[in-house]
Amino acid sequence: MWRDLETWICPALSMVSSIIKIVGGLVSGSIALLADGLDSLINILSSTIAYAFYSISIKPPDRDHPYGHYGFEILSVIITSIIMLFVAAIIVSTVFTKSVSRVRSEGILYSLISTIILVAITFYTLLYSKKARSIALRAEARHLSIDLVESLLVLLGVVLAVYFNPLFDLITAALVASLMVAGALFNMKSIIDSILLTAPPRFLEDKIRLLTMKVNGVVSCHNIRMRRVGEKIFLDLHVTVEDYMSIKSAHEISHKVEEIIKENIPEIVDVVIHVEPSTG
């Protein structure tokens, strides 16, 4: 039940917040508030994608995905980033084609209410992403954090536009677009290691070697290779044992090596061990 609640509560609250922004933008004539509302509608889509793809990513391996479904989280981040860049382009286009006009004071109230809702959504998603250890949900939490900053900027921009100069409304909309672009680039940076199959930090390799050597019967280990997919790591290594050891004993040692590595490094989800004689 709670898991089902977690999958729809954020999109539902985001929908409420975006509707408030759009209505507020139409009522007050604020381009920044209207653009922020349209951005929030896109956030609903990206949030739904993040939760949906996370649900797929935790499924066990199958025939078509023998290494698991972790790559769906990477795909989720890519899709979310593209959506953010697309909406940013729409906002920039609106800023350069819209003439400066008066912003009504009602926009302040609408902006304040929607911001309060976003505070709740952001903290909820951030806590859940840490609990689930999910890169997709973490990216969505960053996305929501950016949206919260945008809402605070819009609130300030609307206040300045109402009481000082309506030009502040267009300036704020441009700042919102800039933050969205920065957020999309940051999300892409977070998955570049997975795309390029970059090895995790060197200290992790040293830790694996130390853990492996703790298993009785292991003479040495070498050719340690790792690749990261989101927050998960796939590992393969070569372990040498004494020449006289039976195949059964060597097999048992390889299982112990796998167990001790997975127990001490939870990020490692798959271990392939090549057993070799010490005099190979």
C-alpha atoms as a PDB file:
ATOM      1  CA  MET A   1       0.000   0.000   0.000  1.00  0.00           C
ATOM      2  CA  TRP A   2       2.732   2.468   0.966  1.00  0.00           C
ATOM      3  CA  ARG A   3       4.656   1.657  -2.164  1.00  0.00           C
ATOM      4  CA  ASP A   4       1.617   2.470  -4.300  1.00  0.00           C
ATOM      5  CA  LEU A   5       1.219   5.731  -2.359  1.00  0.00           C
ATOM      6  CA  GLU A   6       4.837   6.645  -3.059  1.00  0.00           C
ATOM      7  CA  THR A   7       4.350   6.238  -6.811  1.00  0.00           C
ATOM      8  CA  TRP A   8       1.454   8.684  -7.170  1.00  0.00           C
ATOM      9  CA  ILE A   9       1.639  11.192  -4.321  1.00  0.00           C
ATOM     10  CA  CYS A  10       4.379  13.354  -5.890  1.00  0.00           C
ATOM     11  CA  PRO A  11       2.792  13.529  -9.374  1.00  0.00           C
ATOM     12  CA  ALA A  12      -0.571  14.356  -7.762  1.00  0.00           C
ATOM     13  CA  LEU A  13       0.853  17.186  -5.660  1.00  0.00           C
ATOM     14  CA  SER A  14       2.865  18.429  -8.640  1.00  0.00           C
ATOM     15  CA  MET A  15      -0.343  18.560 -10.673  1.00  0.00           C
ATOM     16  CA  VAL A  16      -1.998  20.712  -7.993  1.00  0.00           C
ATOM     17  CA  SER A  17       1.024  23.023  -7.866  1.00  0.00           C
ATOM     18  CA  SER A  18       1.226  23.387 -11.650  1.00  0.00           C
ATOM     19  CA  ILE A  19      -2.492  24.157 -11.985  1.00  0.00           C
ATOM     20  CA  ILE A  20      -2.176  26.856  -9.318  1.00  0.00           C
ATOM     21  CA  LYS A  21       0.767  28.392 -11.213  1.00  0.00           C
ATOM     22  CA  ILE A  22      -0.970  28.320 -14.589  1.00  0.00           C
ATOM     23  CA  VAL A  23      -4.187  29.811 -13.198  1.00  0.00           C
ATOM     24  CA  GLY A  24      -2.138  32.401 -11.334  1.00  0.00           C
ATOM     25  CA  GLY A  25      -0.212  33.269 -14.478  1.00  0.00           C
ATOM     26  CA  LEU A  26      -3.410  33.702 -16.497  1.00  0.00           C
ATOM     27  CA  VAL A  27      -5.147  35.734 -13.786  1.00  0.00           C
ATOM     28  CA  SER A  28      -2.186  37.996 -13.026  1.00  0.00           C
ATOM     29  CA  GLY A  29      -0.662  38.230 -16.493  1.00  0.00           C
ATOM     30  CA  SER A  30       2.693  36.927 -15.214  1.00  0.00           C
ATOM     31  CA  ILE A  31       4.731  35.208 -17.942  1.00  0.00           C
ATOM     32  CA  ALA A  32       7.206  33.881 -15.377  1.00  0.00           C
ATOM     33  CA  LEU A  33       4.451  32.258 -13.309  1.00  0.00           C
ATOM     34  CA  LEU A  34       2.750  30.824 -16.390  1.00  0.00           C
ATOM     35  CA  ALA A  35       6.031  29.440 -17.718  1.00  0.00           C
ATOM     36  CA  ASP A  36       6.821  27.933 -14.323  1.00  0.00           C
ATOM     37  CA  GLY A  37       3.412  26.271 -14.331  1.00  0.00           C
ATOM     38  CA  LEU A  38       4.011  24.730 -17.755  1.00  0.00           C
ATOM     39  CA  ASP A  39       7.398  23.573 -16.525  1.00  0.00           C
ATOM     40  CA  SER A  40       5.713  21.913 -13.552  1.00  0.00           C
ATOM     41  CA  LEU A  41       3.373  20.045 -15.897  1.00  0.00           C
ATOM     42  CA  ILE A  42       6.435  18.625 -17.616  1.00  0.00           C
ATOM     43  CA  ASN A  43       7.801  17.755 -14.166  1.00  0.00           C
ATOM     44  CA  ILE A  44       4.764  15.552 -13.622  1.00  0.00           C
ATOM     45  CA  LEU A  45       5.673  13.593 -16.728  1.00  0.00           C
ATOM     46  CA  SER A  46       9.339  13.310 -15.771  1.00  0.00           C
ATOM     47  CA  SER A  47       8.450  12.321 -12.202  1.00  0.00           C
ATOM     48  CA  THR A  48       6.149   9.598 -13.499  1.00  0.00           C
ATOM     49  CA  ILE A  49       8.909   8.377 -15.813  1.00  0.00           C
ATOM     50  CA  ALA A  50      11.420   8.307 -12.946  1.00  0.00           C
ATOM     51  CA  TYR A  51       9.185   6.235 -10.671  1.00  0.00           C
ATOM     52  CA  ALA A  52       8.058   3.943 -13.495  1.00  0.00           C
ATOM     53  CA  PHE A  53      11.592   3.280 -14.721  1.00  0.00           C
ATOM     54  CA  TYR A  54      12.808   2.716 -11.160  1.00  0.00           C
ATOM     55  CA  SER A  55      10.116   0.041 -10.760  1.00  0.00           C
ATOM     56  CA  ILE A  56      11.404  -1.624 -13.927  1.00  0.00           C
ATOM     57  CA  SER A  57      15.060  -1.310 -12.893  1.00  0.00           C
ATOM     58  CA  ILE A  58      14.584  -3.362  -9.701  1.00  0.00           C
ATOM     59  CA  LYS A  59      13.106  -6.321 -11.560  1.00  0.00           C
ATOM     60  CA  PRO A  60      15.285  -9.454 -11.510  1.00  0.00           C
ATOM     61  CA  PRO A  61      17.298 -10.442 -14.608  1.00  0.00           C
ATOM     62  CA  ASP A  62      15.445 -12.250 -17.385  1.00  0.00           C
ATOM     63  CA  ARG A  63      16.296 -13.787 -20.743  1.00  0.00           C
ATOM     64  CA  ASP A  64      16.379 -10.452 -22.593  1.00  0.00           C
ATOM     65  CA  HIS A  65      18.168  -8.640 -19.749  1.00  0.00           C
ATOM     66  CA  PRO A  66      20.560 -11.178 -18.191  1.00  0.00           C
ATOM     67  CA  TYR A  67      22.434  -8.432 -16.301  1.00  0.00           C
ATOM     68  CA  GLY A  68      19.258  -6.952 -14.857  1.00  0.00           C
ATOM     69  CA  HIS A  69      17.243  -3.867 -15.795  1.00  0.00           C
ATOM     70  CA  TYR A  70      19.452  -1.197 -14.220  1.00  0.00           C
ATOM     71  CA  GLY A  71      19.936   0.557 -17.569  1.00  0.00           C
ATOM     72  CA  PHE A  72      16.339   1.787 -17.433  1.00  0.00           C
ATOM     73  CA  GLU A  73      17.387   4.284 -14.757  1.00  0.00           C
ATOM     74  CA  ILE A  74      19.984   5.715 -17.132  1.00  0.00           C
ATOM     75  CA  LEU A  75      17.340   5.988 -19.851  1.00  0.00           C
ATOM     76  CA  SER A  76      15.049   7.767 -17.391  1.00  0.00           C
ATOM     77  CA  VAL A  77      17.687  10.430 -16.681  1.00  0.00           C
ATOM     78  CA  ILE A  78      18.271  10.980 -20.413  1.00  0.00           C
ATOM     79  CA  ILE A  79      14.553  11.402 -21.147  1.00  0.00           C
ATOM     80  CA  THR A  80      14.079  13.771 -18.196  1.00  0.00           C
ATOM     81  CA  SER A  81      17.021  15.910 -19.298  1.00  0.00           C
ATOM     82  CA  ILE A  82      15.730  16.190 -22.869  1.00  0.00           C
ATOM     83  CA  ILE A  83      12.322  17.288 -21.572  1.00  0.00           C
ATOM     84  CA  MET A  84      13.930  19.961 -19.382  1.00  0.00           C
ATOM     85  CA  LEU A  85      15.915  21.355 -22.335  1.00  0.00           C
ATOM     86  CA  PHE A  86      12.796  21.387 -24.525  1.00  0.00           C
ATOM     87  CA  VAL A  87      10.744  23.367 -21.984  1.00  0.00           C
ATOM     88  CA  ALA A  88      13.665  25.757 -21.413  1.00  0.00           C
ATOM     89  CA  ALA A  89      13.698  26.513 -25.144  1.00  0.00           C
ATOM     90  CA  ILE A  90       9.964  27.309 -25.059  1.00  0.00           C
ATOM     91  CA  ILE A  91      10.436  29.695 -22.120  1.00  0.00           C
ATOM     92  CA  VAL A  92      13.307  31.529 -23.847  1.00  0.00           C
ATOM     93  CA  SER A  93      11.240  31.873 -27.016  1.00  0.00           C
ATOM     94  CA  THR A  94       8.339  33.338 -25.007  1.00  0.00           C
ATOM     95  CA  VAL A  95      10.604  35.848 -23.248  1.00  0.00           C
ATOM     96  CA  PHE A  96      11.940  37.240 -26.524  1.00  0.00           C
ATOM     97  CA  THR A  97       8.545  37.451 -28.241  1.00  0.00           C
ATOM     98  CA  LYS A  98       6.378  38.786 -25.392  1.00  0.00           C
ATOM     99  CA  SER A  99       6.040  42.522 -24.809  1.00  0.00           C
ATOM    100  CA  VAL A 100       6.312  43.961 -21.281  1.00  0.00           C
ATOM    101  CA  SER A 101       2.905  44.255 -19.600  1.00  0.00           C
ATOM    102  CA  ARG A 102       1.476  44.890 -16.116  1.00  0.00           C
ATOM    103  CA  VAL A 103       1.437  42.025 -13.588  1.00  0.00           C
ATOM    104  CA  ARG A 104      -1.514  41.925 -11.167  1.00  0.00           C
ATOM    105  CA  SER A 105      -0.958  41.422  -7.414  1.00  0.00           C
ATOM    106  CA  GLU A 106      -2.997  38.185  -7.332  1.00  0.00           C
ATOM    107  CA  GLY A 107       0.033  36.450  -8.811  1.00  0.00           C
ATOM    108  CA  ILE A 108       1.884  36.758  -5.501  1.00  0.00           C
ATOM    109  CA  LEU A 109      -0.681  34.616  -3.653  1.00  0.00           C
ATOM    110  CA  TYR A 110      -0.765  31.937  -6.346  1.00  0.00           C
ATOM    111  CA  SER A 111       3.026  31.807  -6.460  1.00  0.00           C
ATOM    112  CA  LEU A 112       3.322  31.526  -2.658  1.00  0.00           C
ATOM    113  CA  ILE A 113       0.837  28.639  -2.390  1.00  0.00           C
ATOM    114  CA  SER A 114       2.471  26.649  -5.203  1.00  0.00           C
ATOM    115  CA  THR A 115       5.926  27.147  -3.643  1.00  0.00           C
ATOM    116  CA  ILE A 116       4.789  25.746  -0.291  1.00  0.00           C
ATOM    117  CA  ILE A 117       3.466  22.636  -2.047  1.00  0.00           C
ATOM    118  CA  LEU A 118       6.766  22.211  -3.896  1.00  0.00           C
ATOM    119  CA  VAL A 119       8.716  22.327  -0.631  1.00  0.00           C
ATOM    120  CA  ALA A 120       6.770  19.288   0.582  1.00  0.00           C
ATOM    121  CA  ILE A 121       7.198  17.386  -2.700  1.00  0.00           C
ATOM    122  CA  THR A 122      10.941  18.031  -2.890  1.00  0.00           C
ATOM    123  CA  PHE A 123      11.750  16.867   0.627  1.00  0.00           C
ATOM    124  CA  TYR A 124       9.564  13.775   0.228  1.00  0.00           C
ATOM    125  CA  THR A 125      11.261  12.713  -3.012  1.00  0.00           C
ATOM    126  CA  LEU A 126      14.735  13.399  -1.600  1.00  0.00           C
ATOM    127  CA  LEU A 127      14.122  11.201   1.442  1.00  0.00           C
ATOM    128  CA  TYR A 128      12.622   8.401  -0.654  1.00  0.00           C
ATOM    129  CA  SER A 129      15.504   8.479  -3.178  1.00  0.00           C
ATOM    130  CA  LYS A 130      18.025   7.984  -0.352  1.00  0.00           C
ATOM    131  CA  LYS A 131      15.965   5.144   1.063  1.00  0.00           C
ATOM    132  CA  ALA A 132      15.706   3.415  -2.334  1.00  0.00           C
ATOM    133  CA  ARG A 133      19.330   4.178  -3.381  1.00  0.00           C
ATOM    134  CA  SER A 134      18.054   5.022  -6.853  1.00  0.00           C
ATOM    135  CA  ILE A 135      19.883   7.232  -9.365  1.00  0.00           C
ATOM    136  CA  ALA A 136      16.627   7.914 -11.237  1.00  0.00           C
ATOM    137  CA  LEU A 137      14.826   9.099  -8.112  1.00  0.00           C
ATOM    138  CA  ARG A 138      17.894  11.069  -7.054  1.00  0.00           C
ATOM    139  CA  ALA A 139      17.904  12.804 -10.437  1.00  0.00           C
ATOM    140  CA  GLU A 140      14.221  13.553  -9.984  1.00  0.00           C
ATOM    141  CA  ALA A 141      14.934  14.978  -6.524  1.00  0.00           C
ATOM    142  CA  ARG A 142      17.526  17.289  -8.107  1.00  0.00           C
ATOM    143  CA  HIS A 143      14.986  18.201 -10.753  1.00  0.00           C
ATOM    144  CA  LEU A 144      12.430  19.063  -8.079  1.00  0.00           C
ATOM    145  CA  SER A 145      15.043  21.032  -6.141  1.00  0.00           C
ATOM    146  CA  ILE A 146      15.667  23.114  -9.250  1.00  0.00           C
ATOM    147  CA  ASP A 147      11.920  23.550  -9.649  1.00  0.00           C
ATOM    148  CA  LEU A 148      11.705  24.746  -6.042  1.00  0.00           C
ATOM    149  CA  VAL A 149      14.456  27.305  -6.633  1.00  0.00           C
ATOM    150  CA  GLU A 150      12.613  28.391  -9.767  1.00  0.00           C
ATOM    151  CA  SER A 151       9.404  28.855  -7.784  1.00  0.00           C
ATOM    152  CA  LEU A 152      11.209  30.973  -5.201  1.00  0.00           C
ATOM    153  CA  LEU A 153      12.715  33.077  -7.991  1.00  0.00           C
ATOM    154  CA  VAL A 154       9.318  33.415  -9.634  1.00  0.00           C
ATOM    155  CA  LEU A 155       7.775  34.477  -6.327  1.00  0.00           C
ATOM    156  CA  LEU A 156      10.445  37.167  -5.975  1.00  0.00           C
ATOM    157  CA  GLY A 157      10.089  38.153  -9.627  1.00  0.00           C
ATOM    158  CA  VAL A 158       6.318  38.513  -9.357  1.00  0.00           C
ATOM    159  CA  VAL A 159       6.663  40.654  -6.248  1.00  0.00           C
ATOM    160  CA  LEU A 160       9.185  42.924  -8.000  1.00  0.00           C
ATOM    161  CA  ALA A 161       7.056  43.032 -11.152  1.00  0.00           C
ATOM    162  CA  VAL A 162       3.937  44.004  -9.188  1.00  0.00           C
ATOM    163  CA  TYR A 163       5.485  46.681  -7.006  1.00  0.00           C
ATOM    164  CA  PHE A 164       8.388  47.984  -9.113  1.00  0.00           C
ATOM    165  CA  ASN A 165       8.684  47.124 -12.812  1.00  0.00           C
ATOM    166  CA  PRO A 166       6.931  44.446 -14.940  1.00  0.00           C
ATOM    167  CA  LEU A 167      10.237  43.869 -16.739  1.00  0.00           C
ATOM    168  CA  PHE A 168      11.290  41.794 -13.724  1.00  0.00           C
ATOM    169  CA  ASP A 169       8.702  39.206 -14.797  1.00  0.00           C
ATOM    170  CA  LEU A 170      10.465  38.542 -18.123  1.00  0.00           C
ATOM    171  CA  ILE A 171      13.890  38.574 -16.487  1.00  0.00           C
ATOM    172  CA  THR A 172      12.718  35.950 -13.995  1.00  0.00           C
ATOM    173  CA  ALA A 173      11.373  33.753 -16.789  1.00  0.00           C
ATOM    174  CA  ALA A 174      14.792  33.882 -18.477  1.00  0.00           C
ATOM    175  CA  LEU A 175      16.478  32.880 -15.207  1.00  0.00           C
ATOM    176  CA  VAL A 176      14.084  29.936 -14.884  1.00  0.00           C
ATOM    177  CA  ALA A 177      15.104  28.718 -18.338  1.00  0.00           C
ATOM    178  CA  SER A 178      18.798  29.033 -17.432  1.00  0.00           C
ATOM    179  CA  LEU A 179      18.343  26.928 -14.288  1.00  0.00           C
ATOM    180  CA  MET A 180      16.538  24.248 -16.259  1.00  0.00           C
ATOM    181  CA  VAL A 181      19.405  24.012 -18.738  1.00  0.00           C
ATOM    182  CA  ALA A 182      21.905  23.766 -15.862  1.00  0.00           C
ATOM    183  CA  GLY A 183      19.821  21.027 -14.229  1.00  0.00           C
ATOM    184  CA  ALA A 184      19.634  19.002 -17.426  1.00  0.00           C
ATOM    185  CA  LEU A 185      23.396  19.223 -17.918  1.00  0.00           C
ATOM    186  CA  PHE A 186      24.019  18.193 -14.305  1.00  0.00           C
ATOM    187  CA  ASN A 187      21.755  15.160 -14.703  1.00  0.00           C
ATOM    188  CA  MET A 188      23.617  14.107 -17.833  1.00  0.00           C
ATOM    189  CA  LYS A 189      26.925  14.499 -16.017  1.00  0.00           C
ATOM    190  CA  SER A 190      25.700  12.116 -13.302  1.00  0.00           C
ATOM    191  CA  ILE A 191      25.307   9.263 -15.816  1.00  0.00           C
ATOM    192  CA  ILE A 192      28.313   9.893 -18.057  1.00  0.00           C
ATOM    193  CA  ASP A 193      30.384   7.280 -16.183  1.00  0.00           C
ATOM    194  CA  SER A 194      27.696   4.669 -16.856  1.00  0.00           C
ATOM    195  CA  ILE A 195      27.536   5.528 -20.549  1.00  0.00           C
ATOM    196  CA  LEU A 196      31.330   5.460 -20.982  1.00  0.00           C
ATOM    197  CA  LEU A 197      31.759   2.397 -18.702  1.00  0.00           C
ATOM    198  CA  THR A 198      34.229   4.343 -16.573  1.00  0.00           C
ATOM    199  CA  ALA A 199      35.790   2.347 -13.732  1.00  0.00           C
ATOM    200  CA  PRO A 200      34.786   3.290 -10.164  1.00  0.00           C
ATOM    201  CA  PRO A 201      37.398   4.940  -7.870  1.00  0.00           C
ATOM    202  CA  ARG A 202      40.691   3.076  -7.384  1.00  0.00           C
ATOM    203  CA  PHE A 203      40.171   2.641  -3.643  1.00  0.00           C
ATOM    204  CA  LEU A 204      37.267   0.307  -4.398  1.00  0.00           C
ATOM    205  CA  GLU A 205      39.596  -2.010  -6.314  1.00  0.00           C
ATOM    206  CA  ASP A 206      41.966  -2.081  -3.333  1.00  0.00           C
ATOM    207  CA  LYS A 207      39.066  -2.915  -1.018  1.00  0.00           C
ATOM    208  CA  ILE A 208      37.981  -5.787  -3.269  1.00  0.00           C
ATOM    209  CA  ARG A 209      41.519  -7.165  -3.252  1.00  0.00           C
ATOM    210  CA  LEU A 210      41.704  -7.023   0.555  1.00  0.00           C
ATOM    211  CA  LEU A 211      38.319  -8.702   0.957  1.00  0.00           C
ATOM    212  CA  THR A 212      39.236 -11.457  -1.508  1.00  0.00           C
ATOM    213  CA  MET A 213      42.504 -12.230   0.271  1.00  0.00           C
ATOM    214  CA  LYS A 214      40.600 -12.760   3.541  1.00  0.00           C
ATOM    215  CA  VAL A 215      39.014 -15.939   2.121  1.00  0.00           C
ATOM    216  CA  ASN A 216      40.908 -19.081   3.103  1.00  0.00           C
ATOM    217  CA  GLY A 217      42.389 -20.840   0.095  1.00  0.00           C
ATOM    218  CA  VAL A 218      42.887 -17.745  -2.040  1.00  0.00           C
ATOM    219  CA  VAL A 219      46.514 -17.352  -3.101  1.00  0.00           C
ATOM    220  CA  SER A 220      46.095 -14.078  -4.998  1.00  0.00           C
ATOM    221  CA  CYS A 221      43.699 -12.078  -7.129  1.00  0.00           C
ATOM    222  CA  HIS A 222      44.236  -9.961 -10.224  1.00  0.00           C
ATOM    223  CA  ASN A 223      42.567  -8.556 -13.361  1.00  0.00           C
ATOM    224  CA  ILE A 224      39.933  -6.760 -11.306  1.00  0.00           C
ATOM    225  CA  ARG A 225      37.526  -5.026 -13.668  1.00  0.00           C
ATOM    226  CA  MET A 226      34.399  -3.049 -12.844  1.00  0.00           C
ATOM    227  CA  ARG A 227      31.765  -1.108 -14.732  1.00  0.00           C
ATOM    228  CA  ARG A 228      29.076   1.101 -13.289  1.00  0.00           C
ATOM    229  CA  VAL A 229      25.427   1.216 -14.345  1.00  0.00           C
ATOM    230  CA  GLY A 230      23.793   3.972 -12.339  1.00  0.00           C
ATOM    231  CA  GLU A 231      24.395   3.174  -8.675  1.00  0.00           C
ATOM    232  CA  LYS A 232      25.137  -0.496  -9.399  1.00  0.00           C
ATOM    233  CA  ILE A 233      28.527  -2.045 -10.140  1.00  0.00           C
ATOM    234  CA  PHE A 234      29.342  -5.170 -12.150  1.00  0.00           C
ATOM    235  CA  LEU A 235      32.611  -6.888 -11.209  1.00  0.00           C
ATOM    236  CA  ASP A 236      34.806  -9.611 -12.617  1.00  0.00           C
ATOM    237  CA  LEU A 237      38.157 -10.768 -11.268  1.00  0.00           C
ATOM    238  CA  HIS A 238      40.633 -13.624 -11.422  1.00  0.00           C
ATOM    239  CA  VAL A 239      41.359 -15.634  -8.269  1.00  0.00           C
ATOM    240  CA  THR A 240      44.262 -18.087  -7.989  1.00  0.00           C
ATOM    241  CA  VAL A 241      44.177 -21.168  -5.759  1.00  0.00           C
ATOM    242  CA  GLU A 242      46.616 -24.009  -5.030  1.00  0.00           C
ATOM    243  CA  ASP A 243      47.202 -26.491  -7.859  1.00  0.00           C
ATOM    244  CA  TYR A 244      46.163 -29.536  -5.819  1.00  0.00           C
ATOM    245  CA  MET A 245      42.737 -28.112  -4.953  1.00  0.00           C
ATOM    246  CA  SER A 246      39.695 -29.962  -6.312  1.00  0.00           C
ATOM    247  CA  ILE A 247      37.199 -28.307  -8.603  1.00  0.00           C
ATOM    248  CA  LYS A 248      34.576 -28.531  -5.865  1.00  0.00           C
ATOM    249  CA  SER A 249      36.800 -26.769  -3.316  1.00  0.00           C
ATOM    250  CA  ALA A 250      37.759 -24.070  -5.809  1.00  0.00           C
ATOM    251  CA  HIS A 251      34.076 -23.560  -6.586  1.00  0.00           C
ATOM    252  CA  GLU A 252      33.284 -23.161  -2.877  1.00  0.00           C
ATOM    253  CA  ILE A 253      36.040 -20.578  -2.523  1.00  0.00           C
ATOM    254  CA  SER A 254      34.667 -18.566  -5.432  1.00  0.00           C
ATOM    255  CA  HIS A 255      31.254 -18.507  -3.728  1.00  0.00           C
ATOM    256  CA  LYS A 256      32.807 -17.276  -0.492  1.00  0.00           C
ATOM    257  CA  VAL A 257      34.648 -14.535  -2.374  1.00  0.00           C
ATOM    258  CA  GLU A 258      31.410 -13.424  -4.008  1.00  0.00           C
ATOM    259  CA  GLU A 259      29.567 -13.412  -0.682  1.00  0.00           C
ATOM    260  CA  ILE A 260      32.168 -11.381   1.214  1.00  0.00           C
ATOM    261  CA  ILE A 261      32.397  -8.804  -1.580  1.00  0.00           C
ATOM    262  CA  LYS A 262      28.628  -8.325  -1.867  1.00  0.00           C
ATOM    263  CA  GLU A 263      28.220  -8.144   1.907  1.00  0.00           C
ATOM    264  CA  ASN A 264      30.796  -5.388   2.284  1.00  0.00           C
ATOM    265  CA  ILE A 265      30.134  -3.459  -0.958  1.00  0.00           C
ATOM    266  CA  PRO A 266      26.341  -3.340  -1.512  1.00  0.00           C
ATOM    267  CA  GLU A 267      26.727  -1.423  -4.799  1.00  0.00           C
ATOM    268  CA  ILE A 268      28.187  -4.542  -6.407  1.00  0.00           C
ATOM    269  CA  VAL A 269      25.273  -6.606  -7.721  1.00  0.00           C
ATOM    270  CA  ASP A 270      27.048  -9.072 -10.009  1.00  0.00           C
ATOM    271  CA  VAL A 271      30.393 -10.848  -9.540  1.00  0.00           C
ATOM    272  CA  VAL A 272      32.082 -13.083 -12.116  1.00  0.00           C
ATOM    273  CA  ILE A 273      35.077 -14.987 -10.730  1.00  0.00           C
ATOM    274  CA  HIS A 274      37.643 -16.784 -12.867  1.00  0.00           C
ATOM    275  CA  VAL A 275      39.478 -19.439 -10.820  1.00  0.00           C
ATOM    276  CA  GLU A 276      43.046 -20.278 -11.869  1.00  0.00           C
ATOM    277  CA  PRO A 277      45.813 -22.548 -10.526  1.00  0.00           C
ATOM    278  CA  SER A 278      48.598 -20.671  -8.775  1.00  0.00           C
ATOM    279  CA  THR A 279      51.241 -21.980 -11.195  1.00  0.00           C
ATOM    280  CA  GLY A 280      48.928 -21.377 -14.202  1.00  0.00           C
END
